[in-house]
Amino acid sequence: MNNDPNLNQAENQEEKVFFQNRIDLSELQNSVAAIRTELHKVIIGQKDMINLLIASILANGHSLIEGVPGIAKTISAKLIARTMSVDFSRIQFTPDLMPSDILGTSVFNLKTSEFDFKYGPIFSNIILIDEINRSPAKTQAALFEVMEERQITIDGKTYHMESPFLVFATQNPIEQEGTYRLPEAQLDRFLFKIEVDYPNLEEEIRIIETHHERKNADKLSDVKPVINAEQIQKFQNQVQEILIEKQLVSYIAKIVTQTRENPFLYLGASPRASLAIMSASKAFAAMQGRDFVTPEDIKRSAVPVLNHMVIVTPEKEMEGISAKQVVNQIIENIEIPR
């Protein structure tokens, strides 16, 4: 037994050593916690979906929310928009929807004898596109430019979107009647594809009880704004400053390149996927209060980023193998850098 007081004091000091972040992420963490608190006033469970939606905001990326009807896809997107003091626009996609219904159109002004541009609902900060797979390819293509470059070009004039500009889209993976397959170019523009599952038994009971207790009260009114546009931009800039080591960059590159060589995949991921994984990893690190990326952040990001950017071969798809399973297998087979 060592009774040296100086040595014991040194050991105690070593136990208290902690790393000081280069970036002060306390405001970001507090805002994320506040958003979660507001959402959980209405949303029961669905923690993974909420975390992915918040991460997509911090990473400045769009999200595709996929799940069967009635599991709070649309309401979650609407509520997360309500936690932010920004403009919100909801677009219900239908088979007869035209590009001008989304982007806007030029209208002739009889007083001035000139065409005035009438802005469409896409001119907002948070865009909810409900049932995105219910409109044909012509309407889907209208989103290509605005989702990638955050601008639209009409009649030779370019209109830039105000920051933040984020698209949350929902779709039902089961129903095929009256739906259209999303173009690969559009899928590639989503940072995440968030697959939402049914609640478990305990959550189902809480949903029923909460709905009963609320009676006719407006559930949307319970959620209050806790963050503004300036803070969102500040947090997005902070996320870009998160450190990522060279070996972790190589780790991301190995995961993505393996998707191009995997025999189960007909189409592998593009370099856009590598950048998306890096951005998402930084967002998850920031949400944990860290100013550096870990391998766990990358593994957490890889599946929601890649599961819509790769295509399983028809043979394996008929066997019931999903893109998510293939991506998980690829991750497991690559050595984690330490």
C-alpha atoms as a PDB file:
ATOM      1  CA  MET A   1       0.000   0.000   0.000  1.00  0.00           C
ATOM      2  CA  ASN A   2       1.376   3.403  -0.975  1.00  0.00           C
ATOM      3  CA  ASN A   3       0.922   6.132   1.644  1.00  0.00           C
ATOM      4  CA  ASP A   4       2.829   8.863  -0.203  1.00  0.00           C
ATOM      5  CA  PRO A   5       0.378  11.867  -0.184  1.00  0.00           C
ATOM      6  CA  ASN A   6       2.085  13.520  -3.162  1.00  0.00           C
ATOM      7  CA  LEU A   7       1.707  10.394  -5.286  1.00  0.00           C
ATOM      8  CA  ASN A   8      -1.930   9.958  -4.281  1.00  0.00           C
ATOM      9  CA  GLN A   9      -2.601  13.606  -5.138  1.00  0.00           C
ATOM     10  CA  ALA A  10      -0.992  13.155  -8.567  1.00  0.00           C
ATOM     11  CA  GLU A  11      -3.130  10.065  -9.229  1.00  0.00           C
ATOM     12  CA  ASN A  12      -6.282  11.971  -8.295  1.00  0.00           C
ATOM     13  CA  GLN A  13      -5.325  14.791 -10.640  1.00  0.00           C
ATOM     14  CA  GLU A  14      -4.803  12.303 -13.464  1.00  0.00           C
ATOM     15  CA  GLU A  15      -8.302  10.921 -12.910  1.00  0.00           C
ATOM     16  CA  LYS A  16      -9.718  14.428 -13.332  1.00  0.00           C
ATOM     17  CA  VAL A  17      -7.926  15.116 -16.619  1.00  0.00           C
ATOM     18  CA  PHE A  18     -10.346  15.856 -19.468  1.00  0.00           C
ATOM     19  CA  PHE A  19     -10.022  17.050 -23.044  1.00  0.00           C
ATOM     20  CA  GLN A  20     -11.061  20.588 -23.875  1.00  0.00           C
ATOM     21  CA  ASN A  21     -12.924  20.918 -27.173  1.00  0.00           C
ATOM     22  CA  ARG A  22     -11.582  23.414 -29.692  1.00  0.00           C
ATOM     23  CA  ILE A  23     -15.181  24.312 -30.487  1.00  0.00           C
ATOM     24  CA  ASP A  24     -17.730  25.291 -27.845  1.00  0.00           C
ATOM     25  CA  LEU A  25     -20.602  22.922 -28.623  1.00  0.00           C
ATOM     26  CA  SER A  26     -22.598  23.595 -25.442  1.00  0.00           C
ATOM     27  CA  GLU A  27     -25.178  25.804 -27.182  1.00  0.00           C
ATOM     28  CA  LEU A  28     -25.604  23.216 -29.943  1.00  0.00           C
ATOM     29  CA  GLN A  29     -26.089  20.409 -27.417  1.00  0.00           C
ATOM     30  CA  ASN A  30     -28.585  22.442 -25.400  1.00  0.00           C
ATOM     31  CA  SER A  31     -30.570  23.250 -28.538  1.00  0.00           C
ATOM     32  CA  VAL A  32     -30.611  19.596 -29.609  1.00  0.00           C
ATOM     33  CA  ALA A  33     -31.862  18.597 -26.154  1.00  0.00           C
ATOM     34  CA  ALA A  34     -34.540  21.313 -26.332  1.00  0.00           C
ATOM     35  CA  ILE A  35     -35.712  20.066 -29.755  1.00  0.00           C
ATOM     36  CA  ARG A  36     -35.957  16.510 -28.438  1.00  0.00           C
ATOM     37  CA  THR A  37     -37.930  17.706 -25.411  1.00  0.00           C
ATOM     38  CA  GLU A  38     -40.425  19.578 -27.577  1.00  0.00           C
ATOM     39  CA  LEU A  39     -40.877  16.649 -29.979  1.00  0.00           C
ATOM     40  CA  HIS A  40     -41.408  14.140 -27.190  1.00  0.00           C
ATOM     41  CA  LYS A  41     -44.361  16.197 -25.976  1.00  0.00           C
ATOM     42  CA  VAL A  42     -46.207  14.638 -28.912  1.00  0.00           C
ATOM     43  CA  ILE A  43     -44.062  11.884 -30.453  1.00  0.00           C
ATOM     44  CA  ILE A  44     -43.838   8.657 -28.462  1.00  0.00           C
ATOM     45  CA  GLY A  45     -40.667   6.661 -29.136  1.00  0.00           C
ATOM     46  CA  GLN A  46     -39.094   6.953 -32.617  1.00  0.00           C
ATOM     47  CA  LYS A  47     -35.807   8.120 -31.070  1.00  0.00           C
ATOM     48  CA  ASP A  48     -33.738   6.978 -34.048  1.00  0.00           C
ATOM     49  CA  MET A  49     -35.898   8.930 -36.494  1.00  0.00           C
ATOM     50  CA  ILE A  50     -35.712  12.078 -34.357  1.00  0.00           C
ATOM     51  CA  ASN A  51     -31.924  11.833 -33.986  1.00  0.00           C
ATOM     52  CA  LEU A  52     -31.489  11.322 -37.730  1.00  0.00           C
ATOM     53  CA  LEU A  53     -33.726  14.299 -38.532  1.00  0.00           C
ATOM     54  CA  ILE A  54     -31.747  16.513 -36.157  1.00  0.00           C
ATOM     55  CA  ALA A  55     -28.462  15.238 -37.606  1.00  0.00           C
ATOM     56  CA  SER A  56     -29.665  16.004 -41.126  1.00  0.00           C
ATOM     57  CA  ILE A  57     -30.428  19.595 -40.100  1.00  0.00           C
ATOM     58  CA  LEU A  58     -26.958  20.012 -38.575  1.00  0.00           C
ATOM     59  CA  ALA A  59     -25.354  18.430 -41.652  1.00  0.00           C
ATOM     60  CA  ASN A  60     -27.461  20.640 -43.943  1.00  0.00           C
ATOM     61  CA  GLY A  61     -28.897  17.615 -45.752  1.00  0.00           C
ATOM     62  CA  HIS A  62     -32.328  16.460 -46.932  1.00  0.00           C
ATOM     63  CA  SER A  63     -34.058  13.372 -45.526  1.00  0.00           C
ATOM     64  CA  LEU A  64     -36.412  10.787 -47.005  1.00  0.00           C
ATOM     65  CA  ILE A  65     -38.655   9.229 -44.340  1.00  0.00           C
ATOM     66  CA  GLU A  66     -40.011   5.833 -45.323  1.00  0.00           C
ATOM     67  CA  GLY A  67     -42.600   3.797 -43.462  1.00  0.00           C
ATOM     68  CA  VAL A  68     -46.147   2.500 -43.518  1.00  0.00           C
ATOM     69  CA  PRO A  69     -49.023   4.958 -42.890  1.00  0.00           C
ATOM     70  CA  GLY A  70     -49.837   6.011 -39.353  1.00  0.00           C
ATOM     71  CA  ILE A  71     -46.417   5.903 -37.696  1.00  0.00           C
ATOM     72  CA  ALA A  72     -45.897   9.674 -37.337  1.00  0.00           C
ATOM     73  CA  LYS A  73     -43.722  10.320 -40.408  1.00  0.00           C
ATOM     74  CA  THR A  74     -45.546  13.466 -41.503  1.00  0.00           C
ATOM     75  CA  ILE A  75     -46.336  14.762 -38.034  1.00  0.00           C
ATOM     76  CA  SER A  76     -42.685  14.361 -36.972  1.00  0.00           C
ATOM     77  CA  ALA A  77     -41.475  16.452 -39.900  1.00  0.00           C
ATOM     78  CA  LYS A  78     -44.113  19.104 -39.161  1.00  0.00           C
ATOM     79  CA  LEU A  79     -43.245  19.171 -35.470  1.00  0.00           C
ATOM     80  CA  ILE A  80     -39.489  19.450 -35.990  1.00  0.00           C
ATOM     81  CA  ALA A  81     -40.198  22.420 -38.243  1.00  0.00           C
ATOM     82  CA  ARG A  82     -42.271  23.977 -35.429  1.00  0.00           C
ATOM     83  CA  THR A  83     -39.282  23.787 -33.077  1.00  0.00           C
ATOM     84  CA  MET A  84     -37.512  26.259 -35.370  1.00  0.00           C
ATOM     85  CA  SER A  85     -38.464  29.882 -35.990  1.00  0.00           C
ATOM     86  CA  VAL A  86     -38.288  29.510 -39.778  1.00  0.00           C
ATOM     87  CA  ASP A  87     -40.725  29.386 -42.667  1.00  0.00           C
ATOM     88  CA  PHE A  88     -42.427  26.041 -43.286  1.00  0.00           C
ATOM     89  CA  SER A  89     -44.162  24.754 -46.389  1.00  0.00           C
ATOM     90  CA  ARG A  90     -46.030  21.486 -46.920  1.00  0.00           C
ATOM     91  CA  ILE A  91     -46.543  20.064 -50.412  1.00  0.00           C
ATOM     92  CA  GLN A  92     -48.868  17.097 -50.951  1.00  0.00           C
ATOM     93  CA  PHE A  93     -47.626  15.222 -54.010  1.00  0.00           C
ATOM     94  CA  THR A  94     -50.369  13.884 -56.283  1.00  0.00           C
ATOM     95  CA  PRO A  95     -50.330  12.306 -59.778  1.00  0.00           C
ATOM     96  CA  ASP A  96     -51.614  15.527 -61.398  1.00  0.00           C
ATOM     97  CA  LEU A  97     -49.088  17.846 -59.721  1.00  0.00           C
ATOM     98  CA  MET A  98     -47.084  19.928 -62.204  1.00  0.00           C
ATOM     99  CA  PRO A  99     -43.568  21.430 -61.768  1.00  0.00           C
ATOM    100  CA  SER A 100     -45.055  24.946 -61.764  1.00  0.00           C
ATOM    101  CA  ASP A 101     -47.233  23.954 -58.792  1.00  0.00           C
ATOM    102  CA  ILE A 102     -44.008  23.474 -56.825  1.00  0.00           C
ATOM    103  CA  LEU A 103     -41.561  25.998 -58.217  1.00  0.00           C
ATOM    104  CA  GLY A 104     -43.892  28.796 -59.238  1.00  0.00           C
ATOM    105  CA  THR A 105     -44.803  30.357 -62.575  1.00  0.00           C
ATOM    106  CA  SER A 106     -44.674  33.633 -64.502  1.00  0.00           C
ATOM    107  CA  VAL A 107     -48.006  35.470 -64.587  1.00  0.00           C
ATOM    108  CA  PHE A 108     -48.777  38.316 -66.995  1.00  0.00           C
ATOM    109  CA  ASN A 109     -49.504  41.585 -65.201  1.00  0.00           C
ATOM    110  CA  LEU A 110     -52.042  43.628 -67.153  1.00  0.00           C
ATOM    111  CA  LYS A 111     -51.115  46.838 -65.326  1.00  0.00           C
ATOM    112  CA  THR A 112     -47.421  46.733 -66.155  1.00  0.00           C
ATOM    113  CA  SER A 113     -47.676  44.625 -69.332  1.00  0.00           C
ATOM    114  CA  GLU A 114     -44.880  42.446 -67.936  1.00  0.00           C
ATOM    115  CA  PHE A 115     -44.594  38.956 -66.521  1.00  0.00           C
ATOM    116  CA  ASP A 116     -44.358  38.723 -62.729  1.00  0.00           C
ATOM    117  CA  PHE A 117     -42.996  35.604 -61.094  1.00  0.00           C
ATOM    118  CA  LYS A 118     -45.399  33.985 -58.629  1.00  0.00           C
ATOM    119  CA  TYR A 119     -43.376  32.069 -56.067  1.00  0.00           C
ATOM    120  CA  GLY A 120     -44.268  28.433 -55.450  1.00  0.00           C
ATOM    121  CA  PRO A 121     -44.319  26.623 -52.085  1.00  0.00           C
ATOM    122  CA  ILE A 122     -40.710  25.475 -52.575  1.00  0.00           C
ATOM    123  CA  PHE A 123     -39.657  28.988 -51.518  1.00  0.00           C
ATOM    124  CA  SER A 124     -39.427  28.297 -47.815  1.00  0.00           C
ATOM    125  CA  ASN A 125     -36.908  27.083 -45.226  1.00  0.00           C
ATOM    126  CA  ILE A 126     -38.298  23.700 -44.239  1.00  0.00           C
ATOM    127  CA  ILE A 127     -40.184  21.849 -46.980  1.00  0.00           C
ATOM    128  CA  LEU A 128     -42.306  18.815 -46.182  1.00  0.00           C
ATOM    129  CA  ILE A 129     -43.133  16.789 -49.289  1.00  0.00           C
ATOM    130  CA  ASP A 130     -45.789  14.270 -48.311  1.00  0.00           C
ATOM    131  CA  GLU A 131     -46.026  11.041 -50.350  1.00  0.00           C
ATOM    132  CA  ILE A 132     -43.220  12.090 -52.658  1.00  0.00           C
ATOM    133  CA  ASN A 133     -43.572   8.941 -54.762  1.00  0.00           C
ATOM    134  CA  ARG A 134     -47.107   9.854 -55.885  1.00  0.00           C
ATOM    135  CA  SER A 135     -45.992  12.288 -58.595  1.00  0.00           C
ATOM    136  CA  PRO A 136     -44.588  11.310 -62.006  1.00  0.00           C
ATOM    137  CA  ALA A 137     -41.020  11.775 -63.265  1.00  0.00           C
ATOM    138  CA  LYS A 138     -41.673  15.217 -64.753  1.00  0.00           C
ATOM    139  CA  THR A 139     -42.596  16.622 -61.350  1.00  0.00           C
ATOM    140  CA  GLN A 140     -39.809  14.738 -59.584  1.00  0.00           C
ATOM    141  CA  ALA A 141     -37.260  16.239 -61.985  1.00  0.00           C
ATOM    142  CA  ALA A 142     -38.344  19.727 -60.932  1.00  0.00           C
ATOM    143  CA  LEU A 143     -36.679  19.063 -57.563  1.00  0.00           C
ATOM    144  CA  PHE A 144     -33.247  18.125 -58.935  1.00  0.00           C
ATOM    145  CA  GLU A 145     -31.751  21.605 -59.147  1.00  0.00           C
ATOM    146  CA  VAL A 146     -33.285  23.037 -55.989  1.00  0.00           C
ATOM    147  CA  MET A 147     -32.282  20.062 -53.806  1.00  0.00           C
ATOM    148  CA  GLU A 148     -28.705  19.969 -55.069  1.00  0.00           C
ATOM    149  CA  GLU A 149     -27.882  23.635 -55.657  1.00  0.00           C
ATOM    150  CA  ARG A 150     -30.562  25.306 -53.525  1.00  0.00           C
ATOM    151  CA  GLN A 151     -31.690  27.432 -56.427  1.00  0.00           C
ATOM    152  CA  ILE A 152     -34.135  27.248 -59.319  1.00  0.00           C
ATOM    153  CA  THR A 153     -33.865  28.599 -62.844  1.00  0.00           C
ATOM    154  CA  ILE A 154     -37.060  29.728 -64.580  1.00  0.00           C
ATOM    155  CA  ASP A 155     -37.313  31.754 -67.793  1.00  0.00           C
ATOM    156  CA  GLY A 156     -33.560  32.257 -67.748  1.00  0.00           C
ATOM    157  CA  LYS A 157     -33.538  33.771 -64.276  1.00  0.00           C
ATOM    158  CA  THR A 158     -32.024  32.139 -61.217  1.00  0.00           C
ATOM    159  CA  TYR A 159     -33.705  32.339 -57.812  1.00  0.00           C
ATOM    160  CA  HIS A 160     -31.672  31.385 -54.744  1.00  0.00           C
ATOM    161  CA  MET A 161     -33.209  29.768 -51.677  1.00  0.00           C
ATOM    162  CA  GLU A 162     -32.792  31.390 -48.287  1.00  0.00           C
ATOM    163  CA  SER A 163     -30.780  29.471 -45.718  1.00  0.00           C
ATOM    164  CA  PRO A 164     -31.617  27.135 -44.110  1.00  0.00           C
ATOM    165  CA  PHE A 165     -33.221  25.157 -46.914  1.00  0.00           C
ATOM    166  CA  LEU A 166     -34.087  21.557 -46.077  1.00  0.00           C
ATOM    167  CA  VAL A 167     -36.436  19.041 -47.673  1.00  0.00           C
ATOM    168  CA  PHE A 168     -38.118  16.326 -45.619  1.00  0.00           C
ATOM    169  CA  ALA A 169     -40.021  13.869 -47.787  1.00  0.00           C
ATOM    170  CA  THR A 170     -42.200  10.901 -46.837  1.00  0.00           C
ATOM    171  CA  GLN A 171     -43.124   7.788 -48.752  1.00  0.00           C
ATOM    172  CA  ASN A 172     -44.908   4.482 -48.199  1.00  0.00           C
ATOM    173  CA  PRO A 173     -42.756   1.473 -49.217  1.00  0.00           C
ATOM    174  CA  ILE A 174     -45.670  -0.966 -49.342  1.00  0.00           C
ATOM    175  CA  GLU A 175     -48.329   0.682 -51.479  1.00  0.00           C
ATOM    176  CA  GLN A 176     -47.676   0.444 -55.227  1.00  0.00           C
ATOM    177  CA  GLU A 177     -50.999   1.618 -56.673  1.00  0.00           C
ATOM    178  CA  GLY A 178     -50.743   5.182 -57.973  1.00  0.00           C
ATOM    179  CA  THR A 179     -47.060   5.559 -57.064  1.00  0.00           C
ATOM    180  CA  TYR A 180     -43.917   6.149 -59.103  1.00  0.00           C
ATOM    181  CA  ARG A 181     -40.407   4.937 -58.401  1.00  0.00           C
ATOM    182  CA  LEU A 182     -38.139   7.810 -57.427  1.00  0.00           C
ATOM    183  CA  PRO A 183     -35.363   8.518 -59.958  1.00  0.00           C
ATOM    184  CA  GLU A 184     -31.911   7.455 -58.760  1.00  0.00           C
ATOM    185  CA  ALA A 185     -30.678  11.014 -59.329  1.00  0.00           C
ATOM    186  CA  GLN A 186     -33.255  12.257 -56.837  1.00  0.00           C
ATOM    187  CA  LEU A 187     -32.593   9.556 -54.262  1.00  0.00           C
ATOM    188  CA  ASP A 188     -28.929  10.491 -54.438  1.00  0.00           C
ATOM    189  CA  ARG A 189     -29.787  14.011 -53.301  1.00  0.00           C
ATOM    190  CA  PHE A 190     -31.115  12.843 -49.938  1.00  0.00           C
ATOM    191  CA  LEU A 191     -28.579  12.673 -47.132  1.00  0.00           C
ATOM    192  CA  PHE A 192     -30.575  10.044 -45.211  1.00  0.00           C
ATOM    193  CA  LYS A 193     -33.219   7.496 -45.956  1.00  0.00           C
ATOM    194  CA  ILE A 194     -34.861   7.025 -42.567  1.00  0.00           C
ATOM    195  CA  GLU A 195     -36.745   3.762 -42.215  1.00  0.00           C
ATOM    196  CA  VAL A 196     -39.399   4.086 -39.524  1.00  0.00           C
ATOM    197  CA  ASP A 197     -40.669   0.970 -37.729  1.00  0.00           C
ATOM    198  CA  TYR A 198     -43.811   0.237 -35.740  1.00  0.00           C
ATOM    199  CA  PRO A 199     -43.769   1.216 -32.044  1.00  0.00           C
ATOM    200  CA  ASN A 200     -43.342  -1.553 -29.484  1.00  0.00           C
ATOM    201  CA  LEU A 201     -46.096  -2.608 -27.067  1.00  0.00           C
ATOM    202  CA  GLU A 202     -45.152  -0.150 -24.328  1.00  0.00           C
ATOM    203  CA  GLU A 203     -44.977   2.738 -26.784  1.00  0.00           C
ATOM    204  CA  GLU A 204     -48.300   1.712 -28.354  1.00  0.00           C
ATOM    205  CA  ILE A 205     -49.976   1.856 -24.925  1.00  0.00           C
ATOM    206  CA  ARG A 206     -48.497   5.303 -24.248  1.00  0.00           C
ATOM    207  CA  ILE A 207     -49.699   6.550 -27.658  1.00  0.00           C
ATOM    208  CA  ILE A 208     -53.262   5.460 -26.882  1.00  0.00           C
ATOM    209  CA  GLU A 209     -53.194   6.914 -23.355  1.00  0.00           C
ATOM    210  CA  THR A 210     -51.718  10.236 -24.510  1.00  0.00           C
ATOM    211  CA  HIS A 211     -54.295  10.570 -27.285  1.00  0.00           C
ATOM    212  CA  HIS A 212     -57.082   9.830 -24.788  1.00  0.00           C
ATOM    213  CA  GLU A 213     -55.791  12.390 -22.273  1.00  0.00           C
ATOM    214  CA  ARG A 214     -55.344  15.093 -24.926  1.00  0.00           C
ATOM    215  CA  LYS A 215     -58.950  14.703 -26.137  1.00  0.00           C
ATOM    216  CA  ASN A 216     -59.655  17.426 -28.730  1.00  0.00           C
ATOM    217  CA  ALA A 217     -56.638  19.584 -27.904  1.00  0.00           C
ATOM    218  CA  ASP A 218     -54.376  20.564 -30.818  1.00  0.00           C
ATOM    219  CA  LYS A 219     -51.215  18.541 -30.384  1.00  0.00           C
ATOM    220  CA  LEU A 220     -49.222  20.883 -32.618  1.00  0.00           C
ATOM    221  CA  SER A 221     -49.809  23.773 -30.229  1.00  0.00           C
ATOM    222  CA  ASP A 222     -47.821  21.993 -27.507  1.00  0.00           C
ATOM    223  CA  VAL A 223     -44.590  22.345 -29.481  1.00  0.00           C
ATOM    224  CA  LYS A 224     -42.807  25.704 -29.252  1.00  0.00           C
ATOM    225  CA  PRO A 225     -39.884  27.148 -31.262  1.00  0.00           C
ATOM    226  CA  VAL A 226     -36.546  26.739 -29.475  1.00  0.00           C
ATOM    227  CA  ILE A 227     -34.085  27.681 -32.238  1.00  0.00           C
ATOM    228  CA  ASN A 228     -33.901  30.283 -35.008  1.00  0.00           C
ATOM    229  CA  ALA A 229     -32.388  30.480 -38.487  1.00  0.00           C
ATOM    230  CA  GLU A 230     -29.228  32.246 -37.323  1.00  0.00           C
ATOM    231  CA  GLN A 231     -28.527  29.530 -34.746  1.00  0.00           C
ATOM    232  CA  ILE A 232     -29.076  26.805 -37.333  1.00  0.00           C
ATOM    233  CA  GLN A 233     -26.516  28.398 -39.645  1.00  0.00           C
ATOM    234  CA  LYS A 234     -24.098  28.803 -36.733  1.00  0.00           C
ATOM    235  CA  PHE A 235     -24.459  25.141 -35.759  1.00  0.00           C
ATOM    236  CA  GLN A 236     -24.074  23.983 -39.363  1.00  0.00           C
ATOM    237  CA  ASN A 237     -20.833  25.970 -39.591  1.00  0.00           C
ATOM    238  CA  GLN A 238     -19.608  24.447 -36.325  1.00  0.00           C
ATOM    239  CA  VAL A 239     -20.324  20.949 -37.618  1.00  0.00           C
ATOM    240  CA  GLN A 240     -18.165  21.612 -40.668  1.00  0.00           C
ATOM    241  CA  GLU A 241     -15.265  22.420 -38.300  1.00  0.00           C
ATOM    242  CA  ILE A 242     -15.411  19.037 -36.542  1.00  0.00           C
ATOM    243  CA  LEU A 243     -12.098  17.164 -36.820  1.00  0.00           C
ATOM    244  CA  ILE A 244     -11.785  13.900 -38.751  1.00  0.00           C
ATOM    245  CA  GLU A 245      -8.498  11.989 -38.823  1.00  0.00           C
ATOM    246  CA  LYS A 246      -6.938  10.689 -42.034  1.00  0.00           C
ATOM    247  CA  GLN A 247      -7.440   7.055 -41.079  1.00  0.00           C
ATOM    248  CA  LEU A 248     -11.158   7.729 -40.626  1.00  0.00           C
ATOM    249  CA  VAL A 249     -11.324   9.383 -44.041  1.00  0.00           C
ATOM    250  CA  SER A 250      -9.779   6.186 -45.436  1.00  0.00           C
ATOM    251  CA  TYR A 251     -12.328   4.156 -43.478  1.00  0.00           C
ATOM    252  CA  ILE A 252     -15.188   6.035 -45.154  1.00  0.00           C
ATOM    253  CA  ALA A 253     -13.568   5.614 -48.574  1.00  0.00           C
ATOM    254  CA  LYS A 254     -13.146   1.863 -48.040  1.00  0.00           C
ATOM    255  CA  ILE A 255     -16.821   1.441 -47.125  1.00  0.00           C
ATOM    256  CA  VAL A 256     -17.993   3.331 -50.207  1.00  0.00           C
ATOM    257  CA  THR A 257     -15.590   1.679 -52.650  1.00  0.00           C
ATOM    258  CA  GLN A 258     -16.619  -1.753 -51.330  1.00  0.00           C
ATOM    259  CA  THR A 259     -20.187  -1.022 -52.446  1.00  0.00           C
ATOM    260  CA  ARG A 260     -18.898  -0.737 -56.022  1.00  0.00           C
ATOM    261  CA  GLU A 261     -17.164  -4.113 -55.831  1.00  0.00           C
ATOM    262  CA  ASN A 262     -19.797  -6.094 -53.954  1.00  0.00           C
ATOM    263  CA  PRO A 263     -21.349  -8.865 -56.111  1.00  0.00           C
ATOM    264  CA  PHE A 264     -24.730  -8.402 -54.390  1.00  0.00           C
ATOM    265  CA  LEU A 265     -25.000  -4.799 -55.604  1.00  0.00           C
ATOM    266  CA  TYR A 266     -25.931  -3.794 -59.134  1.00  0.00           C
ATOM    267  CA  LEU A 267     -25.072  -0.135 -58.456  1.00  0.00           C
ATOM    268  CA  GLY A 268     -22.548   1.096 -55.910  1.00  0.00           C
ATOM    269  CA  ALA A 269     -22.377   4.461 -54.173  1.00  0.00           C
ATOM    270  CA  SER A 270     -20.868   7.592 -55.723  1.00  0.00           C
ATOM    271  CA  PRO A 271     -18.327   9.982 -54.142  1.00  0.00           C
ATOM    272  CA  ARG A 272     -21.349  12.011 -53.022  1.00  0.00           C
ATOM    273  CA  ALA A 273     -22.010   9.178 -50.558  1.00  0.00           C
ATOM    274  CA  SER A 274     -18.511   9.533 -49.088  1.00  0.00           C
ATOM    275  CA  LEU A 275     -19.070  13.231 -48.491  1.00  0.00           C
ATOM    276  CA  ALA A 276     -22.511  12.524 -47.026  1.00  0.00           C
ATOM    277  CA  ILE A 277     -21.122   9.985 -44.545  1.00  0.00           C
ATOM    278  CA  MET A 278     -18.438  12.435 -43.469  1.00  0.00           C
ATOM    279  CA  SER A 279     -20.968  15.260 -42.966  1.00  0.00           C
ATOM    280  CA  ALA A 280     -23.359  13.010 -41.062  1.00  0.00           C
ATOM    281  CA  SER A 281     -20.526  11.672 -38.884  1.00  0.00           C
ATOM    282  CA  LYS A 282     -19.545  15.215 -37.946  1.00  0.00           C
ATOM    283  CA  ALA A 283     -23.164  15.976 -37.038  1.00  0.00           C
ATOM    284  CA  PHE A 284     -23.414  12.924 -34.777  1.00  0.00           C
ATOM    285  CA  ALA A 285     -20.112  13.861 -33.122  1.00  0.00           C
ATOM    286  CA  ALA A 286     -21.365  17.395 -32.460  1.00  0.00           C
ATOM    287  CA  MET A 287     -24.608  16.052 -31.005  1.00  0.00           C
ATOM    288  CA  GLN A 288     -22.477  14.073 -28.533  1.00  0.00           C
ATOM    289  CA  GLY A 289     -20.520  17.204 -27.623  1.00  0.00           C
ATOM    290  CA  ARG A 290     -17.335  16.063 -29.364  1.00  0.00           C
ATOM    291  CA  ASP A 291     -15.294  18.124 -31.808  1.00  0.00           C
ATOM    292  CA  PHE A 292     -13.848  15.008 -33.452  1.00  0.00           C
ATOM    293  CA  VAL A 293     -15.293  12.053 -35.360  1.00  0.00           C
ATOM    294  CA  THR A 294     -15.016   8.460 -34.103  1.00  0.00           C
ATOM    295  CA  PRO A 295     -15.466   5.188 -36.032  1.00  0.00           C
ATOM    296  CA  GLU A 296     -18.799   4.736 -34.238  1.00  0.00           C
ATOM    297  CA  ASP A 297     -20.057   8.000 -35.760  1.00  0.00           C
ATOM    298  CA  ILE A 298     -19.162   6.679 -39.218  1.00  0.00           C
ATOM    299  CA  LYS A 299     -20.837   3.307 -38.620  1.00  0.00           C
ATOM    300  CA  ARG A 300     -23.933   5.088 -37.328  1.00  0.00           C
ATOM    301  CA  SER A 301     -24.061   7.244 -40.471  1.00  0.00           C
ATOM    302  CA  ALA A 302     -23.230   4.660 -43.125  1.00  0.00           C
ATOM    303  CA  VAL A 303     -26.508   2.713 -43.265  1.00  0.00           C
ATOM    304  CA  PRO A 304     -29.001   5.644 -43.464  1.00  0.00           C
ATOM    305  CA  VAL A 305     -26.707   7.322 -46.020  1.00  0.00           C
ATOM    306  CA  LEU A 306     -26.062   4.282 -48.222  1.00  0.00           C
ATOM    307  CA  ASN A 307     -29.288   2.272 -48.093  1.00  0.00           C
ATOM    308  CA  HIS A 308     -30.877   4.434 -50.808  1.00  0.00           C
ATOM    309  CA  MET A 309     -27.712   5.141 -52.818  1.00  0.00           C
ATOM    310  CA  VAL A 310     -27.028   1.525 -53.792  1.00  0.00           C
ATOM    311  CA  ILE A 311     -29.136  -0.986 -55.734  1.00  0.00           C
ATOM    312  CA  VAL A 312     -29.275  -4.703 -54.969  1.00  0.00           C
ATOM    313  CA  THR A 313     -29.048  -7.048 -57.951  1.00  0.00           C
ATOM    314  CA  PRO A 314     -32.442  -8.407 -59.099  1.00  0.00           C
ATOM    315  CA  GLU A 315     -31.436 -11.965 -58.147  1.00  0.00           C
ATOM    316  CA  LYS A 316     -30.559 -11.050 -54.569  1.00  0.00           C
ATOM    317  CA  GLU A 317     -33.586  -8.782 -54.277  1.00  0.00           C
ATOM    318  CA  MET A 318     -35.807 -11.752 -55.163  1.00  0.00           C
ATOM    319  CA  GLU A 319     -34.093 -13.698 -52.384  1.00  0.00           C
ATOM    320  CA  GLY A 320     -35.198 -11.008 -49.921  1.00  0.00           C
ATOM    321  CA  ILE A 321     -31.790  -9.394 -49.427  1.00  0.00           C
ATOM    322  CA  SER A 322     -32.018  -5.637 -48.806  1.00  0.00           C
ATOM    323  CA  ALA A 323     -29.513  -2.862 -49.395  1.00  0.00           C
ATOM    324  CA  LYS A 324     -29.379  -2.291 -45.639  1.00  0.00           C
ATOM    325  CA  GLN A 325     -28.245  -5.890 -45.064  1.00  0.00           C
ATOM    326  CA  VAL A 326     -25.531  -5.625 -47.710  1.00  0.00           C
ATOM    327  CA  VAL A 327     -24.246  -2.327 -46.299  1.00  0.00           C
ATOM    328  CA  ASN A 328     -24.118  -3.788 -42.776  1.00  0.00           C
ATOM    329  CA  GLN A 329     -22.173  -6.773 -44.093  1.00  0.00           C
ATOM    330  CA  ILE A 330     -19.686  -4.481 -45.834  1.00  0.00           C
ATOM    331  CA  ILE A 331     -19.157  -2.488 -42.628  1.00  0.00           C
ATOM    332  CA  GLU A 332     -18.590  -5.655 -40.604  1.00  0.00           C
ATOM    333  CA  ASN A 333     -15.941  -6.897 -43.016  1.00  0.00           C
ATOM    334  CA  ILE A 334     -13.830  -3.741 -42.913  1.00  0.00           C
ATOM    335  CA  GLU A 335     -11.334  -3.356 -40.089  1.00  0.00           C
ATOM    336  CA  ILE A 336     -12.150  -0.474 -37.773  1.00  0.00           C
ATOM    337  CA  PRO A 337      -9.246   1.995 -37.493  1.00  0.00           C
ATOM    338  CA  ARG A 338      -7.935   2.684 -34.004  1.00  0.00           C
END
